[in-house]
Amino acid sequence: LFMPSNNEWSVRRKAVAHMFYNERLKVMIDVFKEHLNIQCEQWLSEIKMHGKARIDISQEFERTFAHTINHICFG
């Protein structure tokens, strides 16, 4: 409704549509969970070592999403 609907956008949507089927999204979510769990373990390890941790959550989530996207795209 709010997106362009000319021929160029139609071609682009068609090119990436296969990535957004339910089964593929489940795989993507599982990969994200795996990377998020690894990151949480690192935070907990730092808390155990120092009794506390200072976490820049926006930077950490950006890094986690980047790792997830790289893993999904490139294995």
Protein backbone atom coordinates (compact mmCIF):
# COMPACT_ATOMS: atom_id res chain seq x y z
CA LEU A 1 0.00 0.00 0.00
CA PHE A 2 2.80 2.45 0.86
CA MET A 3 5.57 0.94 -1.26
CA PRO A 4 6.34 1.80 -4.87
CA SER A 5 4.68 -0.59 -7.27
CA ASN A 6 6.42 0.15 -10.54
CA ASN A 7 8.12 -2.54 -12.62
CA GLU A 8 11.56 -2.00 -11.03
CA TRP A 9 10.22 -2.66 -7.53
CA SER A 10 8.25 -5.63 -8.74
CA VAL A 11 11.44 -7.20 -10.11
CA ARG A 12 13.30 -6.52 -6.84
CA ARG A 13 10.51 -7.99 -4.69
CA LYS A 14 10.39 -11.07 -6.90
CA ALA A 15 14.16 -11.51 -6.60
CA VAL A 16 14.09 -11.67 -2.78
CA ALA A 17 10.64 -13.17 -2.16
CA HIS A 18 12.04 -16.71 -1.83
CA MET A 19 13.94 -15.65 1.29
CA PHE A 20 10.77 -14.87 3.20
CA TYR A 21 8.88 -18.15 3.12
CA ASN A 22 7.89 -19.48 6.51
CA GLU A 23 10.45 -22.31 6.55
CA ARG A 24 13.31 -19.97 5.67
CA LEU A 25 12.24 -17.49 8.32
CA LYS A 26 12.28 -20.28 10.92
CA VAL A 27 15.87 -21.08 9.98
CA MET A 28 16.80 -17.39 10.19
CA ILE A 29 15.22 -17.10 13.65
CA ASP A 30 17.09 -20.19 14.84
CA VAL A 31 20.39 -18.74 13.62
CA PHE A 32 19.61 -15.45 15.36
CA LYS A 33 18.78 -17.28 18.61
CA GLU A 34 22.06 -19.17 18.39
CA HIS A 35 24.07 -15.96 17.98
CA LEU A 36 22.11 -14.20 20.70
CA ASN A 37 22.73 -17.08 23.11
CA ILE A 38 26.47 -16.91 22.39
CA GLN A 39 26.42 -13.18 23.10
CA CYS A 40 24.46 -13.68 26.34
CA GLU A 41 27.00 -16.28 27.47
CA GLN A 42 29.79 -13.77 26.88
CA TRP A 43 27.95 -11.13 28.93
CA LEU A 44 27.36 -13.61 31.75
CA SER A 45 31.02 -14.63 31.69
CA GLU A 46 32.06 -10.99 32.01
CA ILE A 47 29.63 -10.50 34.90
CA LYS A 48 31.04 -13.57 36.68
CA MET A 49 34.61 -12.35 36.22
CA HIS A 50 34.06 -8.74 37.28
CA GLY A 51 30.83 -8.86 39.26
CA LYS A 52 29.23 -6.53 36.73
CA ALA A 53 29.29 -5.65 33.05
CA ARG A 54 28.77 -2.46 31.12
CA ILE A 55 26.94 -3.35 27.91
CA ASP A 56 26.26 -0.96 25.04
CA ILE A 57 23.11 -2.80 24.02
CA SER A 58 22.63 -0.98 20.71
CA GLN A 59 26.17 -1.82 19.62
CA GLU A 60 25.87 -5.41 20.84
CA PHE A 61 22.58 -6.00 19.02
CA GLU A 62 24.00 -4.41 15.87
CA ARG A 63 26.96 -6.80 16.08
CA THR A 64 24.68 -9.78 16.76
CA PHE A 65 22.46 -8.93 13.78
CA ALA A 66 25.54 -8.49 11.56
CA HIS A 67 26.89 -11.90 12.61
CA THR A 68 23.48 -13.45 12.01
CA ILE A 69 23.11 -11.93 8.55
CA ASN A 70 26.64 -13.00 7.59
CA HIS A 71 25.96 -16.54 8.81
CA ILE A 72 22.66 -16.76 6.93
CA CYS A 73 24.08 -15.31 3.72
CA PHE A 74 27.49 -16.96 3.66
CA GLY A 75 27.23 -19.96 5.96
